[in-house]
Amino acid sequence: ADSNGNLYVTTGTGSFDATIGGGISFAKLTPNGS
């Protein structure tokens, strides 16, 4: 995680969505307040 509270994950194989990634991706996840 970074100092702004974002999490970072990598994924391996699977279905891919052009708007959020998935499949094989490096992703930034941000807490949404809820």
PDB file of all heavy atoms in Angstrom:
ATOM      1  N   ALA A   1       0.851  -1.187   0.000  1.00  0.00           N
ATOM      2  CA  ALA A   1       0.000   0.000   0.000  1.00  0.00           C
ATOM      3  C   ALA A   1       0.886   1.236   0.000  1.00  0.00           C
ATOM      4  O   ALA A   1       2.052   1.188   0.405  1.00  0.00           O
ATOM      5  CB  ALA A   1      -0.915   0.001   1.219  1.00  0.00           C
ATOM      6  N   ASP A   2       0.331   2.354  -0.473  1.00  0.00           N
ATOM      7  CA  ASP A   2       1.092   3.593  -0.473  1.00  0.00           C
ATOM      8  C   ASP A   2       0.617   4.512   0.646  1.00  0.00           C
ATOM      9  O   ASP A   2      -0.317   4.182   1.396  1.00  0.00           O
ATOM     10  CB  ASP A   2       1.031   4.278  -1.844  1.00  0.00           C
ATOM     11  CG  ASP A   2      -0.386   4.708  -2.240  1.00  0.00           C
ATOM     12  OD1 ASP A   2      -1.240   4.887  -1.348  1.00  0.00           O
ATOM     13  OD2 ASP A   2      -0.627   4.876  -3.456  1.00  0.00           O
ATOM     14  N   SER A   3       1.242   5.664   0.745  1.00  0.00           N
ATOM     15  CA  SER A   3       0.943   6.585   1.847  1.00  0.00           C
ATOM     16  C   SER A   3      -0.443   7.212   1.722  1.00  0.00           C
ATOM     17  O   SER A   3      -0.945   7.798   2.680  1.00  0.00           O
ATOM     18  CB  SER A   3       2.004   7.691   1.900  1.00  0.00           C
ATOM     19  OG  SER A   3       2.066   8.399   0.668  1.00  0.00           O
ATOM     20  N   ASN A   4      -1.079   7.086   0.563  1.00  0.00           N
ATOM     21  CA  ASN A   4      -2.424   7.611   0.374  1.00  0.00           C
ATOM     22  C   ASN A   4      -3.504   6.572   0.655  1.00  0.00           C
ATOM     23  O   ASN A   4      -4.694   6.847   0.472  1.00  0.00           O
ATOM     24  CB  ASN A   4      -2.586   8.143  -1.057  1.00  0.00           C
ATOM     25  CG  ASN A   4      -1.746   9.375  -1.318  1.00  0.00           C
ATOM     26  OD1 ASN A   4      -1.610  10.242  -0.457  1.00  0.00           O
ATOM     27  ND2 ASN A   4      -1.163   9.453  -2.501  1.00  0.00           N
ATOM     28  N   GLY A   5      -3.086   5.375   1.070  1.00  0.00           N
ATOM     29  CA  GLY A   5      -4.046   4.344   1.431  1.00  0.00           C
ATOM     30  C   GLY A   5      -4.508   3.470   0.286  1.00  0.00           C
ATOM     31  O   GLY A   5      -5.474   2.707   0.436  1.00  0.00           O
ATOM     32  N   ASN A   6      -3.822   3.547  -0.876  1.00  0.00           N
ATOM     33  CA  ASN A   6      -4.159   2.692  -2.005  1.00  0.00           C
ATOM     34  C   ASN A   6      -3.475   1.336  -1.874  1.00  0.00           C
ATOM     35  O   ASN A   6      -2.324   1.260  -1.425  1.00  0.00           O
ATOM     36  CB  ASN A   6      -3.727   3.345  -3.318  1.00  0.00           C
ATOM     37  CG  ASN A   6      -4.385   4.686  -3.547  1.00  0.00           C
ATOM     38  OD1 ASN A   6      -5.598   4.777  -3.647  1.00  0.00           O
ATOM     39  ND2 ASN A   6      -3.581   5.733  -3.610  1.00  0.00           N
ATOM     40  N   LEU A   7      -4.164   0.268  -2.267  1.00  0.00           N
ATOM     41  CA  LEU A   7      -3.617  -1.076  -2.263  1.00  0.00           C
ATOM     42  C   LEU A   7      -3.215  -1.450  -3.685  1.00  0.00           C
ATOM     43  O   LEU A   7      -3.813  -0.968  -4.663  1.00  0.00           O
ATOM     44  CB  LEU A   7      -4.645  -2.092  -1.754  1.00  0.00           C
ATOM     45  CG  LEU A   7      -4.972  -2.153  -0.262  1.00  0.00           C
ATOM     46  CD1 LEU A   7      -5.591  -0.874   0.256  1.00  0.00           C
ATOM     47  CD2 LEU A   7      -5.903  -3.337   0.007  1.00  0.00           C
ATOM     48  N   TYR A   8      -2.218  -2.341  -3.808  1.00  0.00           N
ATOM     49  CA  TYR A   8      -1.760  -2.774  -5.124  1.00  0.00           C
ATOM     50  C   TYR A   8      -1.730  -4.299  -5.170  1.00  0.00           C
ATOM     51  O   TYR A   8      -1.168  -4.947  -4.284  1.00  0.00           O
ATOM     52  CB  TYR A   8      -0.375  -2.194  -5.431  1.00  0.00           C
ATOM     53  CG  TYR A   8      -0.409  -0.682  -5.524  1.00  0.00           C
ATOM     54  CD1 TYR A   8      -0.245   0.110  -4.380  1.00  0.00           C
ATOM     55  CD2 TYR A   8      -0.643  -0.040  -6.734  1.00  0.00           C
ATOM     56  CE1 TYR A   8      -0.317   1.491  -4.454  1.00  0.00           C
ATOM     57  CE2 TYR A   8      -0.714   1.354  -6.806  1.00  0.00           C
ATOM     58  CZ  TYR A   8      -0.542   2.103  -5.671  1.00  0.00           C
ATOM     59  OH  TYR A   8      -0.616   3.465  -5.732  1.00  0.00           O
ATOM     60  N   VAL A   9      -2.341  -4.854  -6.215  1.00  0.00           N
ATOM     61  CA  VAL A   9      -2.393  -6.303  -6.367  1.00  0.00           C
ATOM     62  C   VAL A   9      -2.075  -6.673  -7.810  1.00  0.00           C
ATOM     63  O   VAL A   9      -2.239  -5.861  -8.735  1.00  0.00           O
ATOM     64  CB  VAL A   9      -3.774  -6.884  -5.990  1.00  0.00           C
ATOM     65  CG1 VAL A   9      -4.111  -6.598  -4.531  1.00  0.00           C
ATOM     66  CG2 VAL A   9      -4.867  -6.353  -6.908  1.00  0.00           C
ATOM     67  N   THR A  10      -1.610  -7.896  -8.009  1.00  0.00           N
ATOM     68  CA  THR A  10      -1.437  -8.439  -9.346  1.00  0.00           C
ATOM     69  C   THR A  10      -2.296  -9.680  -9.481  1.00  0.00           C
ATOM     70  O   THR A  10      -2.521 -10.406  -8.513  1.00  0.00           O
ATOM     71  CB  THR A  10       0.028  -8.796  -9.621  1.00  0.00           C
ATOM     72  OG1 THR A  10       0.530  -9.639  -8.572  1.00  0.00           O
ATOM     73  CG2 THR A  10       0.886  -7.544  -9.707  1.00  0.00           C
ATOM     74  N   THR A  11      -2.806  -9.911 -10.690  1.00  0.00           N
ATOM     75  CA  THR A  11      -3.672 -11.052 -10.938  1.00  0.00           C
ATOM     76  C   THR A  11      -3.064 -11.934 -12.022  1.00  0.00           C
ATOM     77  O   THR A  11      -2.319 -11.458 -12.884  1.00  0.00           O
ATOM     78  CB  THR A  11      -5.079 -10.604 -11.373  1.00  0.00           C
ATOM     79  OG1 THR A  11      -4.988  -9.833 -12.572  1.00  0.00           O
ATOM     80  CG2 THR A  11      -5.726  -9.772 -10.283  1.00  0.00           C
ATOM     81  N   GLY A  12      -3.411 -13.230 -11.988  1.00  0.00           N
ATOM     82  CA  GLY A  12      -2.879 -14.164 -12.958  1.00  0.00           C
ATOM     83  C   GLY A  12      -3.971 -14.973 -13.627  1.00  0.00           C
ATOM     84  O   GLY A  12      -4.641 -15.751 -12.950  1.00  0.00           O
ATOM     85  N   THR A  13      -4.155 -14.784 -14.922  1.00  0.00           N
ATOM     86  CA  THR A  13      -5.116 -15.495 -15.774  1.00  0.00           C
ATOM     87  C   THR A  13      -6.561 -15.218 -15.388  1.00  0.00           C
ATOM     88  O   THR A  13      -6.853 -14.777 -14.278  1.00  0.00           O
ATOM     89  CB  THR A  13      -4.876 -17.020 -15.764  1.00  0.00           C
ATOM     90  OG1 THR A  13      -5.246 -17.578 -14.498  1.00  0.00           O
ATOM     91  CG2 THR A  13      -3.446 -17.362 -16.078  1.00  0.00           C
ATOM     92  N   GLY A  14      -7.461 -15.484 -16.319  1.00  0.00           N
ATOM     93  CA  GLY A  14      -8.878 -15.273 -16.073  1.00  0.00           C
ATOM     94  C   GLY A  14      -9.485 -14.278 -17.044  1.00  0.00           C
ATOM     95  O   GLY A  14      -8.842 -13.807 -17.981  1.00  0.00           O
ATOM     96  N   SER A  15     -10.729 -13.930 -16.791  1.00  0.00           N
ATOM     97  CA  SER A  15     -11.442 -13.025 -17.693  1.00  0.00           C
ATOM     98  C   SER A  15     -10.947 -11.592 -17.505  1.00  0.00           C
ATOM     99  O   SER A  15     -10.563 -11.177 -16.417  1.00  0.00           O
ATOM    100  CB  SER A  15     -12.948 -13.117 -17.461  1.00  0.00           C
ATOM    101  OG  SER A  15     -13.269 -12.905 -16.099  1.00  0.00           O
ATOM    102  N   PHE A  16     -10.967 -10.847 -18.597  1.00  0.00           N
ATOM    103  CA  PHE A  16     -10.443  -9.480 -18.634  1.00  0.00           C
ATOM    104  C   PHE A  16     -11.562  -8.506 -18.971  1.00  0.00           C
ATOM    105  O   PHE A  16     -12.403  -8.773 -19.823  1.00  0.00           O
ATOM    106  CB  PHE A  16      -9.332  -9.371 -19.673  1.00  0.00           C
ATOM    107  CG  PHE A  16      -8.801  -7.977 -19.867  1.00  0.00           C
ATOM    108  CD1 PHE A  16      -7.912  -7.431 -18.954  1.00  0.00           C
ATOM    109  CD2 PHE A  16      -9.187  -7.225 -20.968  1.00  0.00           C
ATOM    110  CE1 PHE A  16      -7.422  -6.136 -19.131  1.00  0.00           C
ATOM    111  CE2 PHE A  16      -8.694  -5.934 -21.147  1.00  0.00           C
ATOM    112  CZ  PHE A  16      -7.816  -5.398 -20.226  1.00  0.00           C
ATOM    113  N   ASP A  17     -11.567  -7.362 -18.288  1.00  0.00           N
ATOM    114  CA  ASP A  17     -12.529  -6.287 -18.524  1.00  0.00           C
ATOM    115  C   ASP A  17     -11.731  -5.033 -18.871  1.00  0.00           C
ATOM    116  O   ASP A  17     -10.887  -4.592 -18.079  1.00  0.00           O
ATOM    117  CB  ASP A  17     -13.381  -6.064 -17.262  1.00  0.00           C
ATOM    118  CG  ASP A  17     -14.473  -5.028 -17.444  1.00  0.00           C
ATOM    119  OD1 ASP A  17     -14.221  -4.004 -18.109  1.00  0.00           O
ATOM    120  OD2 ASP A  17     -15.574  -5.227 -16.904  1.00  0.00           O
ATOM    121  N   ALA A  18     -11.990  -4.462 -20.021  1.00  0.00           N
ATOM    122  CA  ALA A  18     -11.204  -3.321 -20.494  1.00  0.00           C
ATOM    123  C   ALA A  18     -11.364  -2.078 -19.625  1.00  0.00           C
ATOM    124  O   ALA A  18     -10.600  -1.118 -19.774  1.00  0.00           O
ATOM    125  CB  ALA A  18     -11.575  -2.988 -21.937  1.00  0.00           C
ATOM    126  N   THR A  19     -12.355  -2.059 -18.729  1.00  0.00           N
ATOM    127  CA  THR A  19     -12.566  -0.881 -17.884  1.00  0.00           C
ATOM    128  C   THR A  19     -11.873  -1.007 -16.519  1.00  0.00           C
ATOM    129  O   THR A  19     -11.544   0.012 -15.903  1.00  0.00           O
ATOM    130  CB  THR A  19     -14.066  -0.622 -17.655  1.00  0.00           C
ATOM    131  OG1 THR A  19     -14.647  -1.753 -16.980  1.00  0.00           O
ATOM    132  CG2 THR A  19     -14.768  -0.419 -18.989  1.00  0.00           C
ATOM    133  N   ILE A  20     -11.663  -2.238 -16.039  1.00  0.00           N
ATOM    134  CA  ILE A  20     -11.057  -2.409 -14.708  1.00  0.00           C
ATOM    135  C   ILE A  20      -9.906  -3.412 -14.692  1.00  0.00           C
ATOM    136  O   ILE A  20      -9.237  -3.578 -13.672  1.00  0.00           O
ATOM    137  CB  ILE A  20     -12.090  -2.854 -13.654  1.00  0.00           C
ATOM    138  CG1 ILE A  20     -12.699  -4.211 -14.034  1.00  0.00           C
ATOM    139  CG2 ILE A  20     -13.175  -1.799 -13.477  1.00  0.00           C
ATOM    140  CD1 ILE A  20     -13.559  -4.814 -12.935  1.00  0.00           C
ATOM    141  N   GLY A  21      -9.646  -4.091 -15.803  1.00  0.00           N
ATOM    142  CA  GLY A  21      -8.552  -5.061 -15.821  1.00  0.00           C
ATOM    143  C   GLY A  21      -9.023  -6.463 -15.493  1.00  0.00           C
ATOM    144  O   GLY A  21     -10.049  -6.928 -15.982  1.00  0.00           O
ATOM    145  N   GLY A  22      -8.286  -7.132 -14.644  1.00  0.00           N
ATOM    146  CA  GLY A  22      -8.528  -8.546 -14.406  1.00  0.00           C
ATOM    147  C   GLY A  22      -7.642  -9.352 -15.323  1.00  0.00           C
ATOM    148  O   GLY A  22      -6.722  -8.818 -15.952  1.00  0.00           O
ATOM    149  N   GLY A  23      -7.909 -10.656 -15.459  1.00  0.00           N
ATOM    150  CA  GLY A  23      -7.037 -11.480 -16.288  1.00  0.00           C
ATOM    151  C   GLY A  23      -5.615 -11.403 -15.784  1.00  0.00           C
ATOM    152  O   GLY A  23      -5.308 -11.812 -14.658  1.00  0.00           O
ATOM    153  N   ILE A  24      -4.730 -10.857 -16.596  1.00  0.00           N
ATOM    154  CA  ILE A  24      -3.336 -10.626 -16.206  1.00  0.00           C
ATOM    155  C   ILE A  24      -3.152  -9.121 -16.055  1.00  0.00           C
ATOM    156  O   ILE A  24      -3.041  -8.394 -17.048  1.00  0.00           O
ATOM    157  CB  ILE A  24      -2.375 -11.200 -17.253  1.00  0.00           C
ATOM    158  CG1 ILE A  24      -2.549 -12.717 -17.336  1.00  0.00           C
ATOM    159  CG2 ILE A  24      -0.934 -10.842 -16.927  1.00  0.00           C
ATOM    160  CD1 ILE A  24      -1.762 -13.377 -18.430  1.00  0.00           C
ATOM    161  N   SER A  25      -3.134  -8.631 -14.825  1.00  0.00           N
ATOM    162  CA  SER A  25      -3.102  -7.188 -14.592  1.00  0.00           C
ATOM    163  C   SER A  25      -2.345  -6.826 -13.313  1.00  0.00           C
ATOM    164  O   SER A  25      -2.186  -7.647 -12.415  1.00  0.00           O
ATOM    165  CB  SER A  25      -4.530  -6.616 -14.479  1.00  0.00           C
ATOM    166  OG  SER A  25      -5.237  -6.726 -15.681  1.00  0.00           O
ATOM    167  N   PHE A  26      -1.913  -5.583 -13.281  1.00  0.00           N
ATOM    168  CA  PHE A  26      -1.367  -4.929 -12.089  1.00  0.00           C
ATOM    169  C   PHE A  26      -2.369  -3.833 -11.760  1.00  0.00           C
ATOM    170  O   PHE A  26      -2.613  -2.955 -12.592  1.00  0.00           O
ATOM    171  CB  PHE A  26       0.006  -4.341 -12.410  1.00  0.00           C
ATOM    172  CG  PHE A  26       0.776  -3.849 -11.215  1.00  0.00           C
ATOM    173  CD1 PHE A  26       2.013  -4.383 -10.912  1.00  0.00           C
ATOM    174  CD2 PHE A  26       0.282  -2.845 -10.393  1.00  0.00           C
ATOM    175  CE1 PHE A  26       2.749  -3.924  -9.821  1.00  0.00           C
ATOM    176  CE2 PHE A  26       0.990  -2.388  -9.300  1.00  0.00           C
ATOM    177  CZ  PHE A  26       2.237  -2.935  -9.014  1.00  0.00           C
ATOM    178  N   ALA A  27      -2.978  -3.889 -10.578  1.00  0.00           N
ATOM    179  CA  ALA A  27      -4.108  -2.998 -10.303  1.00  0.00           C
ATOM    180  C   ALA A  27      -3.924  -2.188  -9.024  1.00  0.00           C
ATOM    181  O   ALA A  27      -3.306  -2.634  -8.063  1.00  0.00           O
ATOM    182  CB  ALA A  27      -5.405  -3.804 -10.203  1.00  0.00           C
ATOM    183  N   LYS A  28      -4.506  -1.001  -9.057  1.00  0.00           N
ATOM    184  CA  LYS A  28      -4.561  -0.099  -7.906  1.00  0.00           C
ATOM    185  C   LYS A  28      -5.976  -0.127  -7.355  1.00  0.00           C
ATOM    186  O   LYS A  28      -6.930   0.149  -8.081  1.00  0.00           O
ATOM    187  CB  LYS A  28      -4.178   1.310  -8.342  1.00  0.00           C
ATOM    188  CG  LYS A  28      -4.310   2.384  -7.268  1.00  0.00           C
ATOM    189  CD  LYS A  28      -3.941   3.734  -7.885  1.00  0.00           C
ATOM    190  CE  LYS A  28      -4.095   4.889  -6.918  1.00  0.00           C
ATOM    191  NZ  LYS A  28      -3.735   6.187  -7.571  1.00  0.00           N
ATOM    192  N   LEU A  29      -6.103  -0.487  -6.084  1.00  0.00           N
ATOM    193  CA  LEU A  29      -7.406  -0.537  -5.423  1.00  0.00           C
ATOM    194  C   LEU A  29      -7.471   0.579  -4.384  1.00  0.00           C
ATOM    195  O   LEU A  29      -6.577   0.711  -3.548  1.00  0.00           O
ATOM    196  CB  LEU A  29      -7.617  -1.892  -4.747  1.00  0.00           C
ATOM    197  CG  LEU A  29      -7.421  -3.147  -5.603  1.00  0.00           C
ATOM    198  CD1 LEU A  29      -7.684  -4.402  -4.769  1.00  0.00           C
ATOM    199  CD2 LEU A  29      -8.309  -3.119  -6.825  1.00  0.00           C
ATOM    200  N   THR A  30      -8.547   1.335  -4.417  1.00  0.00           N
ATOM    201  CA  THR A  30      -8.686   2.489  -3.524  1.00  0.00           C
ATOM    202  C   THR A  30      -9.908   2.308  -2.635  1.00  0.00           C
ATOM    203  O   THR A  30     -10.999   2.024  -3.145  1.00  0.00           O
ATOM    204  CB  THR A  30      -8.839   3.784  -4.344  1.00  0.00           C
ATOM    205  OG1 THR A  30      -7.693   3.942  -5.190  1.00  0.00           O
ATOM    206  CG2 THR A  30      -8.966   4.992  -3.427  1.00  0.00           C
ATOM    207  N   PRO A  31      -9.752   2.439  -1.304  1.00  0.00           N
ATOM    208  CA  PRO A  31     -10.920   2.381  -0.418  1.00  0.00           C
ATOM    209  C   PRO A  31     -11.949   3.419  -0.842  1.00  0.00           C
ATOM    210  O   PRO A  31     -11.611   4.576  -1.131  1.00  0.00           O
ATOM    211  CB  PRO A  31     -10.334   2.693   0.963  1.00  0.00           C
ATOM    212  CG  PRO A  31      -8.896   2.255   0.871  1.00  0.00           C
ATOM    213  CD  PRO A  31      -8.489   2.589  -0.545  1.00  0.00           C
ATOM    214  N   ASN A  32     -13.227   3.019  -0.880  1.00  0.00           N
ATOM    215  CA  ASN A  32     -14.266   3.905  -1.410  1.00  0.00           C
ATOM    216  C   ASN A  32     -15.030   4.669  -0.344  1.00  0.00           C
ATOM    217  O   ASN A  32     -16.011   5.347  -0.642  1.00  0.00           O
ATOM    218  CB  ASN A  32     -15.243   3.115  -2.288  1.00  0.00           C
ATOM    219  CG  ASN A  32     -15.915   1.966  -1.535  1.00  0.00           C
ATOM    220  OD1 ASN A  32     -16.014   1.974  -0.306  1.00  0.00           O
ATOM    221  ND2 ASN A  32     -16.369   0.966  -2.273  1.00  0.00           N
ATOM    222  N   GLY A  33     -14.610   4.558   0.921  1.00  0.00           N
ATOM    223  CA  GLY A  33     -15.263   5.319   1.975  1.00  0.00           C
ATOM    224  C   GLY A  33     -16.423   4.606   2.630  1.00  0.00           C
ATOM    225  O   GLY A  33     -16.899   5.028   3.683  1.00  0.00           O
ATOM    226  N   SER A  34     -16.896   3.521   2.021  1.00  0.00           N
ATOM    227  CA  SER A  34     -17.997   2.762   2.607  1.00  0.00           C
ATOM    228  C   SER A  34     -17.556   1.351   2.981  1.00  0.00           C
ATOM    229  O   SER A  34     -18.393   0.458   3.115  1.00  0.00           O
ATOM    230  CB  SER A  34     -19.176   2.701   1.622  1.00  0.00           C
ATOM    231  OG  SER A  34     -18.799   2.055   0.424  1.00  0.00           O
TER     232      SER A  34
END
